Amino acid sequence: MIRVVDYGVGNIQAFMTLFKRLGFHAERANTPDALHDATRLVLPGVGHFDHAMQRLNDSGMRPALERLVLGQKVPVVGVCVGMQMLADGSDEGALPGLSWVPGRVKAFANNPLTARLPMPHMGWNTLTPTAGAHLFARGFEESPQLYFLHSFYFDATHKQDVAATSHYGIDFDAAVSKGHIHGVQCHPEKSHHWGAQLLRNFVEL
């Protein structure tokens, strides 16, 4: 069962609609008990890092998610702020992240190469998958264009965890994969056929 984690942050319905169109059965989970049958997890997120982390902590689902992801190795994909939550922490806030993928979320505004660029980084941009990245193993033979909306970016501690990069003044880590734990900074639910293929690849890992 694909479970989309509904902790009050993120466009849950957009993912539900896309999975249905792809022919996959997905349901939202907003309690720990609703996660018990998850074989795939989607962790969406929008807005401020600390707000998202606080909402997840307050939801009561974090211990269940950690049992599933860290204990049972259930595949998970974090999306946008959901990807950033996988890190150890963020320049956007003070709360610790999940620390599932070592790294720090940094502000474009604090980098001299990107500080003068329009913020947020918004719109379609090319994604460059790394060799062997499972999320992009099928259907990404051409240069994919996906939709981004963010002012902060994931900086992975171990670059072998980077599954794809994109460019906005700098090459930044646009997707990460550490075993069964994945994250994408783009919005697959807004990225037409490229986003649909990304989620299909995740489900069929």
N, C-alpha and C. Protein backbone atom coordinates (compact mmCIF):
# COMPACT_ATOMS: atom_id res chain seq x y z
N MET A 1 0.84 -1.20 0.00
CA MET A 1 0.00 0.00 0.00
C MET A 1 0.87 1.25 0.00
N ILE A 2 0.62 2.14 -0.93
CA ILE A 2 1.28 3.44 -0.95
C ILE A 2 0.55 4.34 0.04
N ARG A 3 1.28 4.88 0.99
CA ARG A 3 0.70 5.79 1.97
C ARG A 3 1.33 7.17 1.82
N VAL A 4 0.49 8.17 1.59
CA VAL A 4 0.93 9.57 1.53
C VAL A 4 0.74 10.16 2.91
N VAL A 5 1.83 10.60 3.52
CA VAL A 5 1.80 11.05 4.91
C VAL A 5 1.14 12.43 5.00
N ASP A 6 0.01 12.47 5.65
CA ASP A 6 -0.78 13.70 5.78
C ASP A 6 -0.62 14.23 7.20
N TYR A 7 0.34 15.13 7.39
CA TYR A 7 0.57 15.74 8.69
C TYR A 7 0.21 17.22 8.68
N GLY A 8 -0.61 17.61 7.68
CA GLY A 8 -1.12 18.97 7.59
C GLY A 8 -0.28 19.89 6.75
N VAL A 9 0.73 19.36 6.05
CA VAL A 9 1.61 20.17 5.22
C VAL A 9 1.80 19.47 3.87
N GLY A 10 1.42 20.14 2.78
CA GLY A 10 1.62 19.55 1.46
C GLY A 10 0.29 19.27 0.78
N ASN A 11 0.35 19.19 -0.54
CA ASN A 11 -0.85 18.97 -1.34
C ASN A 11 -1.08 17.47 -1.49
N ILE A 12 -1.72 16.88 -0.51
CA ILE A 12 -1.93 15.44 -0.49
C ILE A 12 -2.77 14.98 -1.67
N GLN A 13 -3.82 15.74 -1.98
CA GLN A 13 -4.76 15.32 -3.01
C GLN A 13 -4.09 15.24 -4.38
N ALA A 14 -3.13 16.11 -4.65
CA ALA A 14 -2.44 16.07 -5.94
C ALA A 14 -1.71 14.75 -6.12
N PHE A 15 -1.10 14.24 -5.07
CA PHE A 15 -0.42 12.94 -5.15
C PHE A 15 -1.44 11.82 -5.31
N MET A 16 -2.53 11.90 -4.58
CA MET A 16 -3.56 10.86 -4.68
C MET A 16 -4.10 10.78 -6.11
N THR A 17 -4.33 11.94 -6.70
CA THR A 17 -4.86 11.99 -8.06
C THR A 17 -3.87 11.41 -9.06
N LEU A 18 -2.60 11.76 -8.89
CA LEU A 18 -1.58 11.28 -9.82
C LEU A 18 -1.40 9.77 -9.70
N PHE A 19 -1.35 9.25 -8.49
CA PHE A 19 -1.20 7.80 -8.33
C PHE A 19 -2.40 7.07 -8.94
N LYS A 20 -3.59 7.61 -8.77
CA LYS A 20 -4.77 6.99 -9.37
C LYS A 20 -4.65 6.97 -10.88
N ARG A 21 -4.20 8.06 -11.47
CA ARG A 21 -4.04 8.13 -12.92
C ARG A 21 -3.00 7.12 -13.41
N LEU A 22 -1.99 6.85 -12.57
CA LEU A 22 -0.96 5.88 -12.93
C LEU A 22 -1.40 4.44 -12.71
N GLY A 23 -2.56 4.26 -12.08
CA GLY A 23 -3.06 2.92 -11.84
C GLY A 23 -2.58 2.30 -10.54
N PHE A 24 -2.07 3.13 -9.62
CA PHE A 24 -1.60 2.64 -8.32
C PHE A 24 -2.60 3.04 -7.23
N HIS A 25 -2.84 2.12 -6.32
CA HIS A 25 -3.73 2.44 -5.21
C HIS A 25 -2.94 3.10 -4.09
N ALA A 26 -3.33 4.29 -3.72
CA ALA A 26 -2.67 5.04 -2.66
C ALA A 26 -3.72 5.59 -1.72
N GLU A 27 -3.38 5.69 -0.46
CA GLU A 27 -4.26 6.28 0.54
C GLU A 27 -3.45 7.19 1.45
N ARG A 28 -4.12 8.19 1.96
CA ARG A 28 -3.45 9.09 2.90
C ARG A 28 -3.38 8.44 4.28
N ALA A 29 -2.39 8.86 5.05
CA ALA A 29 -2.26 8.39 6.43
C ALA A 29 -2.09 9.61 7.32
N ASN A 30 -2.99 9.79 8.27
CA ASN A 30 -2.89 10.92 9.20
C ASN A 30 -2.86 10.48 10.66
N THR A 31 -2.69 9.18 10.87
CA THR A 31 -2.51 8.65 12.23
C THR A 31 -1.44 7.55 12.16
N PRO A 32 -0.81 7.25 13.29
CA PRO A 32 0.16 6.16 13.28
C PRO A 32 -0.43 4.82 12.83
N ASP A 33 -1.66 4.53 13.25
CA ASP A 33 -2.29 3.26 12.89
C ASP A 33 -2.49 3.14 11.38
N ALA A 34 -2.71 4.27 10.71
CA ALA A 34 -2.96 4.23 9.27
C ALA A 34 -1.70 3.91 8.47
N LEU A 35 -0.56 3.90 9.13
CA LEU A 35 0.70 3.62 8.45
C LEU A 35 1.07 2.13 8.48
N HIS A 36 0.33 1.32 9.20
CA HIS A 36 0.79 -0.03 9.52
C HIS A 36 1.00 -0.90 8.28
N ASP A 37 0.23 -0.65 7.21
CA ASP A 37 0.31 -1.50 6.02
C ASP A 37 1.12 -0.88 4.89
N ALA A 38 1.88 0.16 5.19
CA ALA A 38 2.60 0.88 4.14
C ALA A 38 3.72 0.02 3.55
N THR A 39 3.75 -0.05 2.23
CA THR A 39 4.87 -0.66 1.52
C THR A 39 5.68 0.38 0.75
N ARG A 40 5.11 1.57 0.58
CA ARG A 40 5.77 2.74 0.03
C ARG A 40 5.24 3.96 0.78
N LEU A 41 6.12 4.93 1.04
CA LEU A 41 5.73 6.14 1.77
C LEU A 41 6.11 7.37 0.98
N VAL A 42 5.21 8.33 0.92
CA VAL A 42 5.48 9.63 0.32
C VAL A 42 5.37 10.67 1.42
N LEU A 43 6.44 11.46 1.60
CA LEU A 43 6.46 12.51 2.62
C LEU A 43 6.49 13.86 1.90
N PRO A 44 5.33 14.48 1.70
CA PRO A 44 5.29 15.78 1.03
C PRO A 44 5.65 16.90 2.01
N GLY A 45 5.79 18.09 1.48
CA GLY A 45 6.07 19.23 2.35
C GLY A 45 6.18 20.52 1.56
N VAL A 46 5.66 21.59 2.12
CA VAL A 46 5.78 22.92 1.54
C VAL A 46 5.99 23.90 2.68
N GLY A 47 6.50 25.08 2.33
CA GLY A 47 6.61 26.15 3.32
C GLY A 47 7.89 26.10 4.12
N HIS A 48 7.80 26.48 5.38
CA HIS A 48 8.95 26.67 6.26
C HIS A 48 9.39 25.36 6.89
N PHE A 49 10.69 25.13 6.95
CA PHE A 49 11.25 23.89 7.47
C PHE A 49 10.77 23.62 8.90
N ASP A 50 10.94 24.57 9.80
CA ASP A 50 10.57 24.35 11.20
C ASP A 50 9.08 24.06 11.34
N HIS A 51 8.25 24.76 10.56
CA HIS A 51 6.81 24.52 10.64
C HIS A 51 6.49 23.09 10.23
N ALA A 52 7.12 22.62 9.16
CA ALA A 52 6.86 21.26 8.69
C ALA A 52 7.34 20.24 9.73
N MET A 53 8.53 20.44 10.26
CA MET A 53 9.05 19.51 11.25
C MET A 53 8.17 19.50 12.50
N GLN A 54 7.72 20.65 12.93
CA GLN A 54 6.88 20.72 14.12
C GLN A 54 5.55 20.02 13.89
N ARG A 55 4.98 20.21 12.70
CA ARG A 55 3.70 19.55 12.40
C ARG A 55 3.87 18.03 12.37
N LEU A 56 4.99 17.56 11.81
CA LEU A 56 5.22 16.12 11.79
C LEU A 56 5.42 15.59 13.21
N ASN A 57 6.20 16.29 14.00
CA ASN A 57 6.41 15.87 15.39
C ASN A 57 5.11 15.84 16.16
N ASP A 58 4.26 16.86 15.94
CA ASP A 58 2.99 16.96 16.67
C ASP A 58 1.96 15.94 16.19
N SER A 59 2.15 15.42 14.99
CA SER A 59 1.17 14.49 14.41
C SER A 59 1.16 13.13 15.13
N GLY A 60 2.23 12.82 15.82
CA GLY A 60 2.35 11.52 16.46
C GLY A 60 2.81 10.41 15.54
N MET A 61 3.04 10.74 14.27
CA MET A 61 3.41 9.71 13.30
C MET A 61 4.91 9.48 13.17
N ARG A 62 5.72 10.40 13.72
CA ARG A 62 7.15 10.26 13.52
C ARG A 62 7.71 8.93 14.05
N PRO A 63 7.38 8.48 15.26
CA PRO A 63 7.91 7.19 15.71
C PRO A 63 7.52 6.03 14.79
N ALA A 64 6.28 6.05 14.29
CA ALA A 64 5.84 4.99 13.38
C ALA A 64 6.60 5.05 12.07
N LEU A 65 6.84 6.25 11.56
CA LEU A 65 7.61 6.41 10.34
C LEU A 65 9.04 5.91 10.53
N GLU A 66 9.62 6.22 11.66
CA GLU A 66 11.00 5.77 11.91
C GLU A 66 11.08 4.25 12.03
N ARG A 67 10.06 3.63 12.62
CA ARG A 67 10.03 2.17 12.68
C ARG A 67 9.95 1.57 11.29
N LEU A 68 9.10 2.16 10.45
CA LEU A 68 8.92 1.64 9.10
C LEU A 68 10.16 1.86 8.24
N VAL A 69 10.67 3.10 8.26
CA VAL A 69 11.76 3.45 7.36
C VAL A 69 13.10 2.91 7.85
N LEU A 70 13.39 3.14 9.12
CA LEU A 70 14.70 2.75 9.64
C LEU A 70 14.73 1.29 10.08
N GLY A 71 13.60 0.79 10.57
CA GLY A 71 13.56 -0.58 11.06
C GLY A 71 13.19 -1.58 9.99
N GLN A 72 12.08 -1.33 9.30
CA GLN A 72 11.57 -2.28 8.31
C GLN A 72 12.04 -1.98 6.89
N LYS A 73 12.76 -0.88 6.70
CA LYS A 73 13.33 -0.51 5.40
C LYS A 73 12.26 -0.30 4.32
N VAL A 74 11.13 0.27 4.73
CA VAL A 74 10.08 0.61 3.76
C VAL A 74 10.56 1.79 2.93
N PRO A 75 10.53 1.70 1.60
CA PRO A 75 10.98 2.81 0.76
C PRO A 75 10.15 4.07 1.00
N VAL A 76 10.82 5.22 1.02
CA VAL A 76 10.17 6.50 1.24
C VAL A 76 10.75 7.51 0.27
N VAL A 77 9.91 8.45 -0.17
CA VAL A 77 10.40 9.58 -0.96
C VAL A 77 9.87 10.86 -0.34
N GLY A 78 10.78 11.76 0.01
CA GLY A 78 10.41 13.09 0.49
C GLY A 78 10.37 14.05 -0.68
N VAL A 79 9.39 14.93 -0.69
CA VAL A 79 9.18 15.84 -1.81
C VAL A 79 9.25 17.29 -1.34
N CYS A 80 10.07 18.10 -1.99
CA CYS A 80 10.26 19.51 -1.69
C CYS A 80 10.73 19.67 -0.24
N VAL A 81 9.96 20.31 0.62
CA VAL A 81 10.37 20.41 2.02
C VAL A 81 10.44 19.02 2.65
N GLY A 82 9.66 18.09 2.14
CA GLY A 82 9.75 16.72 2.61
C GLY A 82 11.13 16.12 2.36
N MET A 83 11.76 16.50 1.25
CA MET A 83 13.15 16.09 1.02
C MET A 83 14.07 16.78 2.01
N GLN A 84 13.88 18.07 2.23
CA GLN A 84 14.74 18.82 3.13
C GLN A 84 14.65 18.28 4.55
N MET A 85 13.50 17.75 4.93
CA MET A 85 13.32 17.18 6.27
C MET A 85 14.17 15.93 6.48
N LEU A 86 14.61 15.31 5.41
CA LEU A 86 15.45 14.13 5.54
C LEU A 86 16.83 14.49 6.08
N ALA A 87 17.22 15.75 5.98
CA ALA A 87 18.56 16.21 6.37
C ALA A 87 18.69 16.32 7.88
N ASP A 88 19.91 16.69 8.31
CA ASP A 88 20.17 16.88 9.74
C ASP A 88 19.57 18.17 10.27
N GLY A 89 19.45 19.18 9.42
CA GLY A 89 18.89 20.45 9.82
C GLY A 89 18.89 21.41 8.67
N SER A 90 18.41 22.63 8.92
CA SER A 90 18.25 23.61 7.85
C SER A 90 18.63 24.99 8.33
N ASP A 91 19.22 25.77 7.42
CA ASP A 91 19.49 27.18 7.70
C ASP A 91 18.20 27.97 7.88
N GLU A 92 17.07 27.38 7.48
CA GLU A 92 15.79 28.08 7.57
C GLU A 92 15.21 28.04 8.98
N GLY A 93 15.72 27.15 9.83
CA GLY A 93 15.12 27.04 11.16
C GLY A 93 16.09 26.48 12.17
N ALA A 94 15.56 26.19 13.34
CA ALA A 94 16.40 25.71 14.45
C ALA A 94 16.13 24.26 14.81
N LEU A 95 15.01 23.71 14.37
CA LEU A 95 14.68 22.34 14.75
C LEU A 95 15.56 21.35 13.99
N PRO A 96 15.90 20.23 14.61
CA PRO A 96 16.63 19.19 13.89
C PRO A 96 15.73 18.50 12.87
N GLY A 97 16.35 18.04 11.79
CA GLY A 97 15.62 17.26 10.81
C GLY A 97 15.57 15.79 11.21
N LEU A 98 15.14 14.96 10.27
CA LEU A 98 15.02 13.53 10.54
C LEU A 98 16.38 12.83 10.57
N SER A 99 17.37 13.40 9.91
CA SER A 99 18.72 12.81 9.83
C SER A 99 18.70 11.43 9.19
N TRP A 100 17.86 11.23 8.20
CA TRP A 100 17.83 9.97 7.46
C TRP A 100 18.85 9.96 6.33
N VAL A 101 19.17 11.16 5.81
CA VAL A 101 20.22 11.31 4.80
C VAL A 101 21.15 12.41 5.30
N PRO A 102 22.41 12.12 5.59
CA PRO A 102 23.29 13.15 6.15
C PRO A 102 23.41 14.36 5.21
N GLY A 103 23.22 15.54 5.77
CA GLY A 103 23.31 16.75 4.98
C GLY A 103 22.70 17.93 5.69
N ARG A 104 22.84 19.08 5.09
CA ARG A 104 22.33 20.33 5.64
C ARG A 104 21.57 21.07 4.54
N VAL A 105 20.47 21.66 4.89
CA VAL A 105 19.70 22.48 3.95
C VAL A 105 20.21 23.91 4.03
N LYS A 106 20.62 24.45 2.90
CA LYS A 106 21.24 25.77 2.87
C LYS A 106 20.41 26.75 2.04
N ALA A 107 20.62 28.04 2.29
CA ALA A 107 19.88 29.10 1.61
C ALA A 107 20.64 29.56 0.37
N PHE A 108 19.95 29.64 -0.75
CA PHE A 108 20.55 30.26 -1.93
C PHE A 108 21.04 31.67 -1.62
N ALA A 109 20.29 32.37 -0.76
CA ALA A 109 20.61 33.77 -0.46
C ALA A 109 21.94 33.91 0.27
N ASN A 110 22.42 32.84 0.89
CA ASN A 110 23.68 32.90 1.63
C ASN A 110 24.89 32.51 0.79
N ASN A 111 24.65 32.14 -0.45
CA ASN A 111 25.74 31.76 -1.34
C ASN A 111 26.04 32.93 -2.28
N PRO A 112 27.27 33.42 -2.34
CA PRO A 112 27.58 34.58 -3.19
C PRO A 112 27.29 34.33 -4.67
N LEU A 113 27.27 33.07 -5.11
CA LEU A 113 27.01 32.77 -6.51
C LEU A 113 25.52 32.81 -6.85
N THR A 114 24.67 32.77 -5.82
CA THR A 114 23.22 32.74 -6.07
C THR A 114 22.46 33.85 -5.34
N ALA A 115 23.15 34.62 -4.53
CA ALA A 115 22.48 35.60 -3.66
C ALA A 115 21.68 36.64 -4.43
N ARG A 116 22.10 36.96 -5.65
CA ARG A 116 21.43 38.01 -6.42
C ARG A 116 20.39 37.46 -7.40
N LEU A 117 20.22 36.17 -7.41
CA LEU A 117 19.22 35.59 -8.30
C LEU A 117 17.82 35.78 -7.72
N PRO A 118 16.80 35.83 -8.57
CA PRO A 118 15.43 35.94 -8.06
C PRO A 118 15.10 34.76 -7.14
N MET A 119 14.43 35.06 -6.06
CA MET A 119 14.00 34.04 -5.11
C MET A 119 12.48 34.10 -4.95
N PRO A 120 11.83 32.94 -4.91
CA PRO A 120 12.43 31.60 -4.93
C PRO A 120 12.86 31.18 -6.33
N HIS A 121 13.65 30.11 -6.39
CA HIS A 121 13.90 29.42 -7.66
C HIS A 121 12.58 28.77 -8.05
N MET A 122 11.95 29.30 -9.09
CA MET A 122 10.59 28.88 -9.42
C MET A 122 10.47 28.62 -10.91
N GLY A 123 9.88 27.48 -11.24
CA GLY A 123 9.59 27.16 -12.63
C GLY A 123 10.27 25.86 -13.07
N TRP A 124 10.30 25.68 -14.39
CA TRP A 124 10.83 24.45 -14.96
C TRP A 124 12.34 24.53 -15.06
N ASN A 125 13.00 23.43 -14.71
CA ASN A 125 14.45 23.38 -14.79
C ASN A 125 14.87 21.95 -15.13
N THR A 126 16.04 21.84 -15.74
CA THR A 126 16.56 20.54 -16.15
C THR A 126 17.10 19.78 -14.95
N LEU A 127 16.78 18.52 -14.89
CA LEU A 127 17.30 17.63 -13.87
C LEU A 127 18.34 16.72 -14.53
N THR A 128 19.48 16.58 -13.89
CA THR A 128 20.55 15.72 -14.42
C THR A 128 20.76 14.55 -13.48
N PRO A 129 20.20 13.38 -13.80
CA PRO A 129 20.38 12.21 -12.93
C PRO A 129 21.83 11.76 -12.90
N THR A 130 22.25 11.19 -11.78
CA THR A 130 23.58 10.60 -11.67
C THR A 130 23.52 9.16 -12.16
N ALA A 131 24.66 8.64 -12.57
CA ALA A 131 24.72 7.29 -13.10
C ALA A 131 24.25 6.28 -12.05
N GLY A 132 23.34 5.41 -12.46
CA GLY A 132 22.87 4.35 -11.58
C GLY A 132 21.78 4.75 -10.61
N ALA A 133 21.27 5.97 -10.70
CA ALA A 133 20.22 6.42 -9.78
C ALA A 133 18.91 5.69 -10.09
N HIS A 134 18.40 4.93 -9.13
CA HIS A 134 17.24 4.08 -9.37
C HIS A 134 15.97 4.88 -9.64
N LEU A 135 15.83 6.05 -9.03
CA LEU A 135 14.63 6.86 -9.27
C LEU A 135 14.49 7.25 -10.73
N PHE A 136 15.60 7.29 -11.44
CA PHE A 136 15.60 7.76 -12.83
C PHE A 136 16.05 6.67 -13.80
N ALA A 137 15.89 5.41 -13.38
CA ALA A 137 16.40 4.29 -14.17
C ALA A 137 15.64 4.09 -15.48
N ARG A 138 14.37 4.49 -15.51
CA ARG A 138 13.56 4.31 -16.72
C ARG A 138 12.84 5.62 -17.06
N GLY A 139 12.80 5.92 -18.35
CA GLY A 139 12.02 7.05 -18.83
C GLY A 139 12.72 8.39 -18.75
N PHE A 140 14.00 8.41 -18.41
CA PHE A 140 14.72 9.67 -18.30
C PHE A 140 15.93 9.71 -19.23
N GLU A 141 15.77 9.07 -20.40
CA GLU A 141 16.86 9.04 -21.35
C GLU A 141 17.15 10.43 -21.92
N GLU A 142 16.11 11.25 -22.06
CA GLU A 142 16.28 12.63 -22.51
C GLU A 142 16.44 13.53 -21.28
N SER A 143 16.85 14.79 -21.52
CA SER A 143 17.01 15.73 -20.41
C SER A 143 15.64 16.11 -19.85
N PRO A 144 15.32 15.68 -18.64
CA PRO A 144 13.98 15.93 -18.10
C PRO A 144 13.85 17.35 -17.55
N GLN A 145 12.66 17.90 -17.73
CA GLN A 145 12.33 19.21 -17.16
C GLN A 145 11.29 18.99 -16.08
N LEU A 146 11.60 19.45 -14.86
CA LEU A 146 10.67 19.31 -13.75
C LEU A 146 10.45 20.66 -13.08
N TYR A 147 9.38 20.74 -12.31
CA TYR A 147 8.96 22.02 -11.73
C TYR A 147 9.53 22.18 -10.32
N PHE A 148 10.15 23.35 -10.08
CA PHE A 148 10.76 23.66 -8.79
C PHE A 148 10.11 24.91 -8.19
N LEU A 149 10.10 24.96 -6.87
CA LEU A 149 9.66 26.14 -6.14
C LEU A 149 10.32 26.11 -4.76
N HIS A 150 11.49 26.77 -4.63
CA HIS A 150 12.21 26.70 -3.36
C HIS A 150 13.28 27.78 -3.29
N SER A 151 13.64 28.16 -2.06
CA SER A 151 14.70 29.12 -1.80
C SER A 151 15.86 28.49 -1.03
N PHE A 152 15.70 27.22 -0.66
CA PHE A 152 16.71 26.48 0.08
C PHE A 152 17.00 25.18 -0.66
N TYR A 153 18.21 24.68 -0.49
CA TYR A 153 18.58 23.47 -1.22
C TYR A 153 19.33 22.51 -0.31
N PHE A 154 19.19 21.24 -0.58
CA PHE A 154 19.83 20.17 0.18
C PHE A 154 21.30 20.08 -0.25
N ASP A 155 22.20 20.08 0.71
CA ASP A 155 23.62 19.88 0.45
C ASP A 155 24.03 18.59 1.15
N ALA A 156 24.10 17.50 0.39
CA ALA A 156 24.38 16.19 0.96
C ALA A 156 25.82 16.11 1.45
N THR A 157 26.00 15.54 2.63
CA THR A 157 27.33 15.36 3.20
C THR A 157 28.15 14.40 2.35
N HIS A 158 27.53 13.32 1.93
CA HIS A 158 28.20 12.29 1.12
C HIS A 158 27.64 12.36 -0.29
N LYS A 159 28.47 12.78 -1.23
CA LYS A 159 27.96 13.02 -2.58
C LYS A 159 27.55 11.74 -3.30
N GLN A 160 27.92 10.58 -2.75
CA GLN A 160 27.41 9.34 -3.34
C GLN A 160 25.91 9.17 -3.08
N ASP A 161 25.36 9.98 -2.16
CA ASP A 161 23.91 9.96 -1.91
C ASP A 161 23.13 10.83 -2.89
N VAL A 162 23.81 11.57 -3.75
CA VAL A 162 23.13 12.47 -4.69
C VAL A 162 22.65 11.66 -5.89
N ALA A 163 21.35 11.72 -6.16
CA ALA A 163 20.75 10.98 -7.27
C ALA A 163 20.55 11.85 -8.50
N ALA A 164 20.53 13.17 -8.32
CA ALA A 164 20.38 14.08 -9.45
C ALA A 164 20.77 15.49 -9.00
N THR A 165 21.22 16.28 -9.95
CA THR A 165 21.52 17.68 -9.69
C THR A 165 20.71 18.55 -10.63
N SER A 166 20.61 19.82 -10.29
CA SER A 166 20.05 20.83 -11.17
C SER A 166 20.90 22.08 -11.01
N HIS A 167 20.65 23.08 -11.85
CA HIS A 167 21.51 24.27 -11.83
C HIS A 167 20.67 25.53 -11.64
N TYR A 168 21.05 26.31 -10.64
CA TYR A 168 20.49 27.64 -10.44
C TYR A 168 21.60 28.50 -9.83
N GLY A 169 22.44 29.01 -10.69
CA GLY A 169 23.62 29.74 -10.24
C GLY A 169 24.74 28.81 -9.81
N ILE A 170 24.38 27.71 -9.19
CA ILE A 170 25.28 26.63 -8.81
C ILE A 170 24.62 25.31 -9.17
N ASP A 171 25.40 24.26 -9.26
CA ASP A 171 24.84 22.92 -9.33
C ASP A 171 24.46 22.51 -7.91
N PHE A 172 23.18 22.24 -7.68
CA PHE A 172 22.74 21.85 -6.35
C PHE A 172 22.15 20.44 -6.38
N ASP A 173 22.12 19.82 -5.21
CA ASP A 173 21.62 18.45 -5.08
C ASP A 173 20.09 18.49 -5.18
N ALA A 174 19.58 18.03 -6.31
CA ALA A 174 18.14 18.10 -6.56
C ALA A 174 17.41 16.82 -6.19
N ALA A 175 18.14 15.75 -5.99
CA ALA A 175 17.54 14.48 -5.54
C ALA A 175 18.61 13.70 -4.80
N VAL A 176 18.18 12.98 -3.78
CA VAL A 176 19.10 12.13 -3.01
C VAL A 176 18.51 10.74 -2.89
N SER A 177 19.39 9.76 -2.80
CA SER A 177 18.98 8.37 -2.56
C SER A 177 20.03 7.73 -1.66
N LYS A 178 19.60 7.28 -0.53
CA LYS A 178 20.46 6.53 0.39
C LYS A 178 19.77 5.21 0.67
N GLY A 179 20.13 4.20 -0.12
CA GLY A 179 19.43 2.93 -0.02
C GLY A 179 17.98 3.10 -0.44
N HIS A 180 17.06 2.81 0.47
CA HIS A 180 15.62 2.88 0.19
C HIS A 180 15.03 4.25 0.53
N ILE A 181 15.88 5.19 0.95
CA ILE A 181 15.41 6.53 1.34
C ILE A 181 15.73 7.51 0.22
N HIS A 182 14.70 8.17 -0.29
CA HIS A 182 14.86 9.06 -1.44
C HIS A 182 14.25 10.43 -1.15
N GLY A 183 14.73 11.43 -1.85
CA GLY A 183 14.16 12.76 -1.75
C GLY A 183 14.34 13.50 -3.06
N VAL A 184 13.35 14.30 -3.42
CA VAL A 184 13.41 15.12 -4.64
C VAL A 184 12.98 16.53 -4.29
N GLN A 185 13.76 17.51 -4.73
CA GLN A 185 13.44 18.90 -4.45
C GLN A 185 12.33 19.41 -5.36
N CYS A 186 12.22 18.87 -6.55
CA CYS A 186 11.18 19.28 -7.49
C CYS A 186 9.82 18.77 -7.02
N HIS A 187 8.79 19.19 -7.72
CA HIS A 187 7.42 18.75 -7.43
C HIS A 187 6.97 17.79 -8.53
N PRO A 188 7.10 16.48 -8.33
CA PRO A 188 6.65 15.55 -9.37
C PRO A 188 5.16 15.65 -9.64
N GLU A 189 4.39 16.02 -8.64
CA GLU A 189 2.94 16.12 -8.83
C GLU A 189 2.55 17.30 -9.71
N LYS A 190 3.52 18.18 -10.01
CA LYS A 190 3.27 19.33 -10.89
C LYS A 190 4.10 19.26 -12.17
N SER A 191 4.79 18.14 -12.38
CA SER A 191 5.78 18.07 -13.46
C SER A 191 5.35 17.19 -14.63
N HIS A 192 4.04 17.04 -14.83
CA HIS A 192 3.50 16.35 -16.01
C HIS A 192 4.10 14.96 -16.17
N HIS A 193 4.47 14.56 -17.38
CA HIS A 193 4.88 13.17 -17.59
C HIS A 193 6.20 12.84 -16.92
N TRP A 194 7.09 13.83 -16.76
CA TRP A 194 8.34 13.56 -16.08
C TRP A 194 8.09 13.22 -14.61
N GLY A 195 7.23 13.99 -13.97
CA GLY A 195 6.92 13.71 -12.57
C GLY A 195 6.20 12.39 -12.40
N ALA A 196 5.31 12.09 -13.33
CA ALA A 196 4.60 10.81 -13.27
C ALA A 196 5.57 9.65 -13.41
N GLN A 197 6.55 9.77 -14.29
CA GLN A 197 7.53 8.71 -14.46
C GLN A 197 8.40 8.55 -13.22
N LEU A 198 8.75 9.66 -12.60
CA LEU A 198 9.55 9.60 -11.37
C LEU A 198 8.80 8.81 -10.29
N LEU A 199 7.53 9.12 -10.09
CA LEU A 199 6.76 8.42 -9.06
C LEU A 199 6.53 6.96 -9.45
N ARG A 200 6.36 6.69 -10.75
CA ARG A 200 6.23 5.30 -11.19
C ARG A 200 7.51 4.52 -10.85
N ASN A 201 8.65 5.13 -11.14
CA ASN A 201 9.92 4.46 -10.84
C ASN A 201 10.05 4.19 -9.34
N PHE A 202 9.61 5.15 -8.52
CA PHE A 202 9.69 4.96 -7.07
C PHE A 202 8.83 3.77 -6.63
N VAL A 203 7.62 3.70 -7.14
CA VAL A 203 6.72 2.62 -6.73
C VAL A 203 7.26 1.28 -7.20
N GLU A 204 7.90 1.25 -8.37
CA GLU A 204 8.35 -0.02 -8.95
C GLU A 204 9.78 -0.36 -8.59
N LEU A 205 10.40 0.37 -7.65
CA LEU A 205 11.76 0.05 -7.22
C LEU A 205 11.88 -1.40 -6.78
